[in-house]
Amino acid sequence: MLHFGKFSTEELIELLAACGEDVPRSLAEAIVSRGAEALPGLCQLGSEELWWQEEGGELALHAMHLVGAIGDPSAASELLAPLRRSEDSDIITDDMPGVLARLGPQAIPELREFVGDSSQGPVMRSVVYTGLVAMSLLHPEFA
């Protein structure tokens, strides 16, 4: 078993990109342990264009979940980027609310702004709204 602690954050992100569907738990934990340092690389992997490529969705999904596990509210705009495209994607509609919920209460203003923006598609606004509801379950003191 590899000990991922000896790898740089950039190397961990490269390993993630090479994993395909099967990401070792220890690799995911090593990336999450890097916290905000890992966000730029993860957000790049979860970039908008990957969501809509046939082969890129799994990588974007892994990156999205790791960003959520880090729970840094500064990643909200990066996570909202693929929703602005307003294409129906099961990955986004099923997984994104839970990811957004883990960003914590500091992300509420940006998420609330997205939900209130009538130029956004109704399905994607619903995804973010569901994320806000899930966040209230994780942080009842802010509900």
Protein backbone atom coordinates (compact mmCIF):
# COMPACT_ATOMS: atom_id res chain seq x y z
CA MET A 1 0.00 0.00 0.00
CA LEU A 2 1.29 3.43 -0.92
CA HIS A 3 1.92 5.96 1.80
CA PHE A 4 0.53 9.12 0.25
CA GLY A 5 1.93 11.47 2.89
CA LYS A 6 5.25 11.68 1.05
CA PHE A 7 3.63 13.05 -2.13
CA SER A 8 3.13 16.74 -2.85
CA THR A 9 -0.42 18.00 -3.20
CA GLU A 10 0.09 18.37 -6.95
CA GLU A 11 1.27 14.75 -7.19
CA LEU A 12 -1.77 13.58 -5.23
CA ILE A 13 -4.06 15.42 -7.65
CA GLU A 14 -2.22 13.83 -10.60
CA LEU A 15 -2.69 10.40 -9.02
CA LEU A 16 -6.39 11.12 -8.58
CA ALA A 17 -6.67 12.08 -12.24
CA ALA A 18 -5.08 8.78 -13.22
CA CYS A 19 -7.38 6.63 -11.06
CA GLY A 20 -10.45 6.52 -13.24
CA GLU A 21 -13.44 5.08 -11.40
CA ASP A 22 -11.52 3.47 -8.55
CA VAL A 23 -9.99 5.97 -6.16
CA PRO A 24 -8.26 4.41 -3.16
CA ARG A 25 -9.71 5.66 0.10
CA SER A 26 -6.23 6.41 1.39
CA LEU A 27 -5.58 8.69 -1.60
CA ALA A 28 -8.85 10.54 -1.04
CA GLU A 29 -8.03 10.95 2.66
CA ALA A 30 -4.54 12.24 1.83
CA ILE A 31 -6.00 14.84 -0.53
CA VAL A 32 -8.63 15.96 1.98
CA SER A 33 -5.95 16.25 4.67
CA ARG A 34 -4.27 18.94 2.54
CA GLY A 35 -7.34 21.14 2.99
CA ALA A 36 -7.45 24.44 1.12
CA GLU A 37 -4.08 23.68 -0.49
CA ALA A 38 -5.80 20.98 -2.58
CA LEU A 39 -8.71 23.16 -3.71
CA PRO A 40 -7.14 24.74 -6.82
CA GLY A 41 -6.16 21.35 -8.26
CA LEU A 42 -9.47 19.74 -7.36
CA CYS A 43 -11.45 22.65 -8.78
CA GLN A 44 -9.46 22.39 -11.99
CA LEU A 45 -10.34 18.68 -12.22
CA GLY A 46 -13.95 19.53 -11.50
CA SER A 47 -13.96 22.28 -14.07
CA GLU A 48 -17.12 22.93 -16.00
CA GLU A 49 -16.03 21.40 -19.28
CA LEU A 50 -15.25 18.00 -17.71
CA TRP A 51 -18.83 17.60 -16.51
CA TRP A 52 -20.10 17.48 -20.05
CA GLN A 53 -17.45 15.23 -21.58
CA GLU A 54 -18.27 11.57 -21.82
CA GLU A 55 -15.03 10.52 -20.14
CA GLY A 56 -14.67 13.45 -17.73
CA GLY A 57 -17.72 13.06 -15.53
CA GLU A 58 -16.26 10.50 -13.14
CA LEU A 59 -13.16 12.58 -12.52
CA ALA A 60 -15.24 15.71 -11.99
CA LEU A 61 -17.47 13.77 -9.59
CA HIS A 62 -14.50 12.56 -7.53
CA ALA A 63 -13.05 16.06 -7.41
CA MET A 64 -16.43 17.53 -6.43
CA HIS A 65 -16.82 15.10 -3.53
CA LEU A 66 -13.32 15.81 -2.28
CA VAL A 67 -13.97 19.56 -2.39
CA GLY A 68 -17.09 18.92 -0.31
CA ALA A 69 -15.15 16.76 2.13
CA ILE A 70 -12.66 19.60 2.60
CA GLY A 71 -15.66 21.83 3.32
CA ASP A 72 -14.11 25.17 2.43
CA PRO A 73 -16.83 27.73 1.57
CA SER A 74 -14.44 29.54 -0.78
CA ALA A 75 -15.05 26.70 -3.26
CA ALA A 76 -18.73 27.58 -3.67
CA SER A 77 -18.27 29.54 -6.90
CA GLU A 78 -16.26 26.70 -8.46
CA LEU A 79 -18.95 24.20 -7.52
CA LEU A 80 -21.69 26.42 -8.89
CA ALA A 81 -19.96 26.85 -12.27
CA PRO A 82 -21.24 23.59 -13.81
CA LEU A 83 -24.76 24.39 -12.58
CA ARG A 84 -24.75 27.64 -14.53
CA ARG A 85 -24.61 25.57 -17.68
CA SER A 86 -28.12 24.35 -16.80
CA GLU A 87 -27.86 20.98 -18.48
CA ASP A 88 -29.60 18.14 -16.72
CA SER A 89 -27.04 15.73 -15.35
CA ASP A 90 -27.85 12.95 -12.90
CA ILE A 91 -24.43 13.38 -11.32
CA ILE A 92 -25.11 17.01 -10.55
CA THR A 93 -28.73 16.65 -9.51
CA ASP A 94 -28.03 13.61 -7.31
CA ASP A 95 -24.67 14.47 -5.75
CA MET A 96 -24.24 18.24 -5.73
CA PRO A 97 -26.74 19.08 -2.94
CA GLY A 98 -24.79 17.01 -0.41
CA VAL A 99 -21.51 18.49 -1.55
CA LEU A 100 -22.83 22.04 -1.27
CA ALA A 101 -24.23 21.28 2.20
CA ARG A 102 -20.76 20.38 3.46
CA LEU A 103 -19.39 23.81 2.55
CA GLY A 104 -20.95 25.15 5.71
CA PRO A 105 -22.88 28.25 6.68
CA GLN A 106 -20.28 30.69 5.34
CA ALA A 107 -21.32 29.60 1.83
CA ILE A 108 -24.98 30.53 2.42
CA PRO A 109 -24.84 34.02 0.85
CA GLU A 110 -23.41 32.75 -2.44
CA LEU A 111 -25.78 29.79 -2.56
CA ARG A 112 -28.75 32.01 -1.69
CA GLU A 113 -27.77 34.40 -4.48
CA PHE A 114 -27.75 31.51 -6.99
CA VAL A 115 -31.18 30.30 -5.85
CA GLY A 116 -32.59 33.81 -6.17
CA ASP A 117 -31.18 34.37 -9.66
CA SER A 118 -34.10 33.86 -12.04
CA SER A 119 -31.71 33.66 -15.00
CA GLN A 120 -30.53 30.27 -13.70
CA GLY A 121 -32.42 27.17 -14.76
CA PRO A 122 -35.10 25.92 -12.37
CA VAL A 123 -33.58 22.44 -12.04
CA MET A 124 -30.18 23.81 -11.04
CA ARG A 125 -31.71 26.36 -8.68
CA SER A 126 -33.54 23.44 -7.08
CA VAL A 127 -30.23 21.56 -6.71
CA VAL A 128 -28.74 24.48 -4.79
CA TYR A 129 -31.89 24.94 -2.75
CA THR A 130 -31.74 21.28 -1.77
CA GLY A 131 -28.10 21.83 -0.77
CA LEU A 132 -29.19 24.69 1.50
CA VAL A 133 -31.86 22.50 3.08
CA ALA A 134 -29.29 19.73 3.64
CA MET A 135 -26.93 22.31 5.15
CA SER A 136 -29.63 23.26 7.65
CA LEU A 137 -29.70 19.63 8.78
CA LEU A 138 -25.94 19.63 9.27
CA HIS A 139 -25.99 23.06 10.95
CA PRO A 140 -29.38 23.44 12.68
CA GLU A 141 -28.13 26.50 14.52
CA PHE A 142 -28.28 28.41 11.20
CA ALA A 143 -31.66 27.09 10.04
